[in-house]
Amino acid sequence: MGRILCIDYGRKRCGIAVTDPLGIAANGLPTVPTHQLMDFLKDYCSRENVDLIVMGKPTQLNGQPSESMRYITPFLGRLHKEMPEMKVVMHDERFTSTIAHREMIAAGLPKHRRRDKGLADKTAAVLILTGYLESRS
């Protein structure tokens, strides 16, 4: 069994999370500048056994795709072209950024750490992946 990798895709940077080798728990990895994401994925997947990539699906409250999908869709096409063997699924990411900020406050992080957008993106990726894992059981 391989790892499951999750991407919280953003225009500037992407939060990344990955499961342990048994696919049980989600852990954050360092954020990656969006323009370096494909190279990161190829490198990581060449070193680690990754079975699946979960991509956060930005959705509006009414269930319709949000504006951000116009940036994600071309990346998904490129991912399929450059890594055709990799299975990719989308998982709802509604409210993950808000929940990530609340969790940072609850954890007692000082204000200057909560302003770190990379930390928020990594936390959001962990939340998306955790939600995906919970939805499978």
N, C-alpha and C. Protein backbone atom coordinates (compact mmCIF):
# COMPACT_ATOMS: atom_id res chain seq x y z
N MET A 1 0.84 -1.18 0.00
CA MET A 1 0.00 0.00 0.00
C MET A 1 0.88 1.24 0.00
N GLY A 2 0.52 2.22 -0.80
CA GLY A 2 1.31 3.43 -0.90
C GLY A 2 0.67 4.60 -0.19
N ARG A 3 1.38 5.68 -0.22
CA ARG A 3 0.92 6.92 0.41
C ARG A 3 -0.16 7.58 -0.44
N ILE A 4 -0.91 8.46 0.20
CA ILE A 4 -1.85 9.33 -0.50
C ILE A 4 -1.35 10.74 -0.29
N LEU A 5 -1.18 11.47 -1.37
CA LEU A 5 -0.69 12.84 -1.32
C LEU A 5 -1.84 13.78 -1.62
N CYS A 6 -1.88 14.91 -0.93
CA CYS A 6 -2.97 15.87 -1.11
C CYS A 6 -2.40 17.24 -1.46
N ILE A 7 -3.09 17.94 -2.34
CA ILE A 7 -2.68 19.27 -2.77
C ILE A 7 -3.80 20.27 -2.50
N ASP A 8 -3.45 21.33 -1.78
CA ASP A 8 -4.33 22.50 -1.66
C ASP A 8 -3.77 23.51 -2.63
N TYR A 9 -4.31 23.52 -3.85
CA TYR A 9 -3.76 24.30 -4.96
C TYR A 9 -4.07 25.78 -4.82
N GLY A 10 -3.05 26.59 -4.97
CA GLY A 10 -3.22 28.04 -4.94
C GLY A 10 -2.47 28.68 -6.10
N ARG A 11 -2.80 29.89 -6.42
CA ARG A 11 -2.16 30.57 -7.55
C ARG A 11 -0.68 30.84 -7.29
N LYS A 12 -0.31 31.08 -6.03
CA LYS A 12 1.09 31.39 -5.70
C LYS A 12 1.82 30.20 -5.09
N ARG A 13 1.14 29.49 -4.20
CA ARG A 13 1.79 28.36 -3.51
C ARG A 13 0.73 27.30 -3.25
N CYS A 14 1.24 26.09 -3.01
CA CYS A 14 0.36 24.94 -2.79
C CYS A 14 0.71 24.29 -1.46
N GLY A 15 -0.32 24.04 -0.66
CA GLY A 15 -0.14 23.27 0.55
C GLY A 15 -0.11 21.80 0.17
N ILE A 16 0.77 21.07 0.82
CA ILE A 16 0.93 19.64 0.52
C ILE A 16 0.80 18.85 1.82
N ALA A 17 0.09 17.75 1.75
CA ALA A 17 -0.01 16.81 2.87
C ALA A 17 0.14 15.41 2.31
N VAL A 18 0.56 14.50 3.17
CA VAL A 18 0.75 13.12 2.74
C VAL A 18 0.44 12.20 3.91
N THR A 19 -0.02 11.00 3.57
CA THR A 19 -0.28 10.02 4.62
C THR A 19 1.00 9.27 4.96
N ASP A 20 0.93 8.56 6.06
CA ASP A 20 1.99 7.61 6.39
C ASP A 20 1.89 6.46 5.38
N PRO A 21 2.88 5.56 5.34
CA PRO A 21 2.84 4.48 4.35
C PRO A 21 1.60 3.58 4.43
N LEU A 22 0.96 3.51 5.60
CA LEU A 22 -0.24 2.68 5.73
C LEU A 22 -1.51 3.44 5.33
N GLY A 23 -1.39 4.72 5.03
CA GLY A 23 -2.55 5.50 4.61
C GLY A 23 -3.51 5.83 5.72
N ILE A 24 -3.00 5.97 6.95
CA ILE A 24 -3.86 6.18 8.11
C ILE A 24 -3.92 7.64 8.55
N ALA A 25 -2.76 8.27 8.70
CA ALA A 25 -2.70 9.63 9.25
C ALA A 25 -2.12 10.60 8.23
N ALA A 26 -2.62 11.84 8.25
CA ALA A 26 -2.15 12.88 7.34
C ALA A 26 -1.15 13.79 8.04
N ASN A 27 -0.08 14.12 7.34
CA ASN A 27 0.94 15.04 7.85
C ASN A 27 1.27 16.06 6.79
N GLY A 28 1.53 17.28 7.21
CA GLY A 28 1.86 18.34 6.28
C GLY A 28 3.31 18.27 5.83
N LEU A 29 3.53 18.65 4.58
CA LEU A 29 4.87 18.83 4.03
C LEU A 29 5.06 20.33 3.79
N PRO A 30 6.28 20.76 3.54
CA PRO A 30 6.48 22.19 3.25
C PRO A 30 5.66 22.62 2.02
N THR A 31 5.19 23.86 2.05
CA THR A 31 4.46 24.38 0.89
C THR A 31 5.42 24.51 -0.29
N VAL A 32 4.83 24.48 -1.47
CA VAL A 32 5.61 24.52 -2.71
C VAL A 32 5.09 25.65 -3.57
N PRO A 33 6.00 26.49 -4.12
CA PRO A 33 5.52 27.51 -5.07
C PRO A 33 4.80 26.81 -6.23
N THR A 34 3.69 27.35 -6.64
CA THR A 34 2.85 26.71 -7.66
C THR A 34 3.63 26.41 -8.94
N HIS A 35 4.51 27.31 -9.35
CA HIS A 35 5.25 27.08 -10.58
C HIS A 35 6.25 25.92 -10.45
N GLN A 36 6.51 25.45 -9.24
CA GLN A 36 7.42 24.32 -9.02
C GLN A 36 6.68 23.03 -8.64
N LEU A 37 5.36 23.07 -8.62
CA LEU A 37 4.57 21.94 -8.13
C LEU A 37 4.79 20.67 -8.94
N MET A 38 4.78 20.75 -10.25
CA MET A 38 4.93 19.54 -11.08
C MET A 38 6.28 18.88 -10.82
N ASP A 39 7.34 19.68 -10.76
CA ASP A 39 8.67 19.13 -10.48
C ASP A 39 8.71 18.48 -9.10
N PHE A 40 8.07 19.13 -8.13
CA PHE A 40 8.00 18.56 -6.78
C PHE A 40 7.30 17.21 -6.80
N LEU A 41 6.15 17.14 -7.47
CA LEU A 41 5.38 15.90 -7.52
C LEU A 41 6.17 14.77 -8.18
N LYS A 42 6.80 15.06 -9.29
CA LYS A 42 7.60 14.04 -9.97
C LYS A 42 8.72 13.54 -9.09
N ASP A 43 9.41 14.46 -8.43
CA ASP A 43 10.52 14.08 -7.55
C ASP A 43 10.01 13.26 -6.37
N TYR A 44 8.97 13.76 -5.70
CA TYR A 44 8.44 13.07 -4.52
C TYR A 44 7.94 11.67 -4.88
N CYS A 45 7.19 11.58 -5.96
CA CYS A 45 6.63 10.29 -6.36
C CYS A 45 7.70 9.31 -6.85
N SER A 46 8.84 9.82 -7.28
CA SER A 46 9.93 8.93 -7.68
C SER A 46 10.65 8.35 -6.46
N ARG A 47 10.58 9.06 -5.33
CA ARG A 47 11.24 8.62 -4.09
C ARG A 47 10.31 7.85 -3.17
N GLU A 48 9.04 8.16 -3.21
CA GLU A 48 8.05 7.55 -2.31
C GLU A 48 7.00 6.80 -3.12
N ASN A 49 6.43 5.79 -2.54
CA ASN A 49 5.37 5.02 -3.18
C ASN A 49 4.05 5.76 -2.95
N VAL A 50 3.60 6.49 -3.96
CA VAL A 50 2.35 7.25 -3.89
C VAL A 50 1.33 6.57 -4.79
N ASP A 51 0.20 6.17 -4.20
CA ASP A 51 -0.86 5.49 -4.96
C ASP A 51 -1.89 6.45 -5.53
N LEU A 52 -2.04 7.60 -4.90
CA LEU A 52 -3.16 8.48 -5.22
C LEU A 52 -2.83 9.92 -4.86
N ILE A 53 -3.29 10.84 -5.69
CA ILE A 53 -3.21 12.27 -5.37
C ILE A 53 -4.64 12.78 -5.18
N VAL A 54 -4.86 13.42 -4.05
CA VAL A 54 -6.14 14.06 -3.76
C VAL A 54 -5.96 15.55 -3.98
N MET A 55 -6.78 16.12 -4.83
CA MET A 55 -6.71 17.55 -5.12
C MET A 55 -7.91 18.21 -4.46
N GLY A 56 -7.65 19.27 -3.71
CA GLY A 56 -8.74 20.02 -3.11
C GLY A 56 -9.64 20.60 -4.20
N LYS A 57 -10.94 20.41 -4.04
CA LYS A 57 -11.92 20.91 -5.01
C LYS A 57 -12.62 22.12 -4.42
N PRO A 58 -12.27 23.32 -4.90
CA PRO A 58 -12.92 24.52 -4.37
C PRO A 58 -14.37 24.61 -4.85
N THR A 59 -15.27 24.63 -3.91
CA THR A 59 -16.69 24.59 -4.21
C THR A 59 -17.41 25.72 -3.47
N GLN A 60 -18.36 26.34 -4.14
CA GLN A 60 -19.18 27.37 -3.50
C GLN A 60 -20.21 26.71 -2.59
N LEU A 61 -20.86 27.51 -1.77
CA LEU A 61 -21.86 26.98 -0.84
C LEU A 61 -23.00 26.25 -1.56
N ASN A 62 -23.32 26.68 -2.77
CA ASN A 62 -24.41 26.05 -3.51
C ASN A 62 -23.96 24.77 -4.24
N GLY A 63 -22.70 24.37 -4.04
CA GLY A 63 -22.20 23.14 -4.65
C GLY A 63 -21.55 23.32 -6.00
N GLN A 64 -21.63 24.51 -6.56
CA GLN A 64 -21.01 24.77 -7.86
C GLN A 64 -19.50 24.99 -7.69
N PRO A 65 -18.71 24.65 -8.70
CA PRO A 65 -17.26 24.91 -8.62
C PRO A 65 -16.99 26.41 -8.47
N SER A 66 -16.00 26.73 -7.68
CA SER A 66 -15.67 28.14 -7.48
C SER A 66 -14.75 28.63 -8.60
N GLU A 67 -14.50 29.91 -8.59
CA GLU A 67 -13.65 30.56 -9.59
C GLU A 67 -12.26 29.92 -9.67
N SER A 68 -11.76 29.41 -8.57
CA SER A 68 -10.41 28.83 -8.53
C SER A 68 -10.26 27.62 -9.44
N MET A 69 -11.34 26.97 -9.79
CA MET A 69 -11.25 25.80 -10.67
C MET A 69 -10.65 26.15 -12.02
N ARG A 70 -10.76 27.39 -12.44
CA ARG A 70 -10.20 27.76 -13.74
C ARG A 70 -8.67 27.69 -13.73
N TYR A 71 -8.06 27.71 -12.55
CA TYR A 71 -6.60 27.55 -12.44
C TYR A 71 -6.23 26.08 -12.22
N ILE A 72 -7.11 25.37 -11.55
CA ILE A 72 -6.83 23.97 -11.22
C ILE A 72 -7.00 23.06 -12.43
N THR A 73 -8.02 23.29 -13.23
CA THR A 73 -8.31 22.43 -14.37
C THR A 73 -7.12 22.30 -15.33
N PRO A 74 -6.46 23.39 -15.73
CA PRO A 74 -5.29 23.23 -16.61
C PRO A 74 -4.16 22.44 -15.94
N PHE A 75 -3.98 22.64 -14.63
CA PHE A 75 -2.95 21.88 -13.94
C PHE A 75 -3.28 20.39 -13.95
N LEU A 76 -4.54 20.05 -13.72
CA LEU A 76 -4.95 18.64 -13.75
C LEU A 76 -4.68 18.01 -15.12
N GLY A 77 -4.92 18.76 -16.17
CA GLY A 77 -4.62 18.27 -17.52
C GLY A 77 -3.13 18.00 -17.70
N ARG A 78 -2.32 18.91 -17.21
CA ARG A 78 -0.87 18.75 -17.29
C ARG A 78 -0.41 17.56 -16.44
N LEU A 79 -0.99 17.42 -15.26
CA LEU A 79 -0.65 16.31 -14.38
C LEU A 79 -0.97 14.97 -15.05
N HIS A 80 -2.13 14.89 -15.67
CA HIS A 80 -2.53 13.66 -16.36
C HIS A 80 -1.58 13.36 -17.52
N LYS A 81 -1.14 14.40 -18.20
CA LYS A 81 -0.24 14.23 -19.35
C LYS A 81 1.16 13.81 -18.90
N GLU A 82 1.66 14.42 -17.83
CA GLU A 82 3.03 14.15 -17.39
C GLU A 82 3.16 12.96 -16.45
N MET A 83 2.07 12.61 -15.77
CA MET A 83 2.08 11.46 -14.86
C MET A 83 0.83 10.61 -15.11
N PRO A 84 0.71 10.04 -16.33
CA PRO A 84 -0.55 9.37 -16.71
C PRO A 84 -0.91 8.18 -15.83
N GLU A 85 0.06 7.57 -15.18
CA GLU A 85 -0.23 6.40 -14.35
C GLU A 85 -0.79 6.77 -12.99
N MET A 86 -0.71 8.04 -12.61
CA MET A 86 -1.13 8.48 -11.28
C MET A 86 -2.64 8.71 -11.24
N LYS A 87 -3.29 8.08 -10.26
CA LYS A 87 -4.73 8.28 -10.06
C LYS A 87 -4.90 9.59 -9.28
N VAL A 88 -5.86 10.41 -9.71
CA VAL A 88 -6.14 11.70 -9.08
C VAL A 88 -7.63 11.78 -8.79
N VAL A 89 -7.98 12.18 -7.56
CA VAL A 89 -9.38 12.41 -7.21
C VAL A 89 -9.50 13.81 -6.62
N MET A 90 -10.70 14.35 -6.77
CA MET A 90 -10.99 15.67 -6.19
C MET A 90 -11.78 15.45 -4.90
N HIS A 91 -11.50 16.31 -3.90
CA HIS A 91 -12.24 16.24 -2.64
C HIS A 91 -12.59 17.66 -2.19
N ASP A 92 -13.81 17.84 -1.78
CA ASP A 92 -14.34 19.14 -1.36
C ASP A 92 -13.41 19.80 -0.33
N GLU A 93 -13.09 21.05 -0.59
CA GLU A 93 -12.21 21.78 0.34
C GLU A 93 -12.92 22.97 0.99
N ARG A 94 -14.24 22.99 0.94
CA ARG A 94 -14.97 24.11 1.55
C ARG A 94 -14.58 24.30 3.01
N PHE A 95 -14.34 25.54 3.36
CA PHE A 95 -14.06 25.99 4.73
C PHE A 95 -12.70 25.54 5.29
N THR A 96 -11.88 24.85 4.51
CA THR A 96 -10.61 24.36 5.08
C THR A 96 -9.69 25.50 5.49
N SER A 97 -9.66 26.59 4.74
CA SER A 97 -8.80 27.71 5.12
C SER A 97 -9.27 28.34 6.43
N THR A 98 -10.57 28.50 6.56
CA THR A 98 -11.13 29.06 7.79
C THR A 98 -10.85 28.15 8.99
N ILE A 99 -11.06 26.86 8.79
CA ILE A 99 -10.80 25.90 9.87
C ILE A 99 -9.32 25.88 10.22
N ALA A 100 -8.46 25.98 9.21
CA ALA A 100 -7.01 25.99 9.45
C ALA A 100 -6.62 27.16 10.35
N HIS A 101 -7.17 28.35 10.06
CA HIS A 101 -6.87 29.52 10.90
C HIS A 101 -7.39 29.33 12.32
N ARG A 102 -8.58 28.77 12.46
CA ARG A 102 -9.13 28.52 13.80
C ARG A 102 -8.27 27.52 14.57
N GLU A 103 -7.78 26.50 13.89
CA GLU A 103 -6.93 25.52 14.55
C GLU A 103 -5.61 26.14 15.00
N MET A 104 -5.08 27.04 14.20
CA MET A 104 -3.83 27.71 14.59
C MET A 104 -4.06 28.58 15.83
N ILE A 105 -5.20 29.23 15.90
CA ILE A 105 -5.54 30.04 17.09
C ILE A 105 -5.71 29.12 18.29
N ALA A 106 -6.44 28.03 18.10
CA ALA A 106 -6.67 27.08 19.20
C ALA A 106 -5.36 26.47 19.70
N ALA A 107 -4.40 26.32 18.80
CA ALA A 107 -3.10 25.75 19.18
C ALA A 107 -2.23 26.77 19.90
N GLY A 108 -2.70 28.01 19.97
CA GLY A 108 -1.96 29.04 20.68
C GLY A 108 -0.83 29.67 19.88
N LEU A 109 -0.87 29.53 18.56
CA LEU A 109 0.18 30.15 17.75
C LEU A 109 0.10 31.67 17.85
N PRO A 110 1.23 32.33 18.00
CA PRO A 110 1.22 33.79 18.05
C PRO A 110 0.78 34.37 16.70
N LYS A 111 0.33 35.60 16.75
CA LYS A 111 -0.23 36.25 15.57
C LYS A 111 0.74 36.24 14.38
N HIS A 112 2.03 36.48 14.63
CA HIS A 112 2.97 36.53 13.52
C HIS A 112 3.10 35.16 12.83
N ARG A 113 2.92 34.05 13.55
CA ARG A 113 2.95 32.71 12.94
C ARG A 113 1.66 32.43 12.18
N ARG A 114 0.53 32.97 12.67
CA ARG A 114 -0.75 32.76 11.98
C ARG A 114 -0.81 33.52 10.67
N ARG A 115 0.03 34.53 10.51
CA ARG A 115 0.09 35.28 9.26
C ARG A 115 0.86 34.53 8.18
N ASP A 116 1.57 33.48 8.57
CA ASP A 116 2.34 32.67 7.63
C ASP A 116 1.37 31.90 6.74
N LYS A 117 1.18 32.40 5.52
CA LYS A 117 0.21 31.79 4.62
C LYS A 117 0.60 30.37 4.23
N GLY A 118 1.90 30.09 4.21
CA GLY A 118 2.35 28.74 3.91
C GLY A 118 1.90 27.75 4.96
N LEU A 119 1.95 28.16 6.23
CA LEU A 119 1.49 27.30 7.31
C LEU A 119 -0.01 27.05 7.19
N ALA A 120 -0.76 28.08 6.84
CA ALA A 120 -2.21 27.93 6.65
C ALA A 120 -2.50 26.99 5.47
N ASP A 121 -1.73 27.10 4.38
CA ASP A 121 -1.93 26.23 3.22
C ASP A 121 -1.62 24.77 3.56
N LYS A 122 -0.53 24.56 4.32
CA LYS A 122 -0.17 23.20 4.73
C LYS A 122 -1.25 22.61 5.63
N THR A 123 -1.76 23.41 6.56
CA THR A 123 -2.81 22.95 7.47
C THR A 123 -4.08 22.63 6.68
N ALA A 124 -4.41 23.46 5.70
CA ALA A 124 -5.59 23.21 4.86
C ALA A 124 -5.43 21.90 4.10
N ALA A 125 -4.23 21.62 3.60
CA ALA A 125 -4.00 20.37 2.88
C ALA A 125 -4.19 19.17 3.81
N VAL A 126 -3.72 19.29 5.05
CA VAL A 126 -3.91 18.22 6.03
C VAL A 126 -5.41 18.01 6.28
N LEU A 127 -6.16 19.10 6.39
CA LEU A 127 -7.61 19.00 6.62
C LEU A 127 -8.33 18.34 5.44
N ILE A 128 -7.93 18.70 4.22
CA ILE A 128 -8.54 18.10 3.03
C ILE A 128 -8.25 16.60 3.01
N LEU A 129 -7.00 16.24 3.26
CA LEU A 129 -6.62 14.83 3.23
C LEU A 129 -7.31 14.05 4.36
N THR A 130 -7.39 14.64 5.52
CA THR A 130 -8.09 13.99 6.63
C THR A 130 -9.56 13.77 6.28
N GLY A 131 -10.18 14.79 5.68
CA GLY A 131 -11.57 14.64 5.24
C GLY A 131 -11.73 13.54 4.22
N TYR A 132 -10.79 13.44 3.29
CA TYR A 132 -10.83 12.37 2.30
C TYR A 132 -10.72 11.00 2.97
N LEU A 133 -9.76 10.88 3.88
CA LEU A 133 -9.56 9.60 4.57
C LEU A 133 -10.81 9.20 5.35
N GLU A 134 -11.43 10.16 6.03
CA GLU A 134 -12.64 9.88 6.79
C GLU A 134 -13.81 9.50 5.88
N SER A 135 -13.86 10.07 4.69
CA SER A 135 -14.96 9.78 3.78
C SER A 135 -14.89 8.37 3.23
N ARG A 136 -13.71 7.75 3.26
CA ARG A 136 -13.54 6.39 2.76
C ARG A 136 -13.98 5.33 3.75
N SER A 137 -14.06 5.72 5.04
CA SER A 137 -14.41 4.70 6.04
C SER A 137 -15.87 4.71 6.40
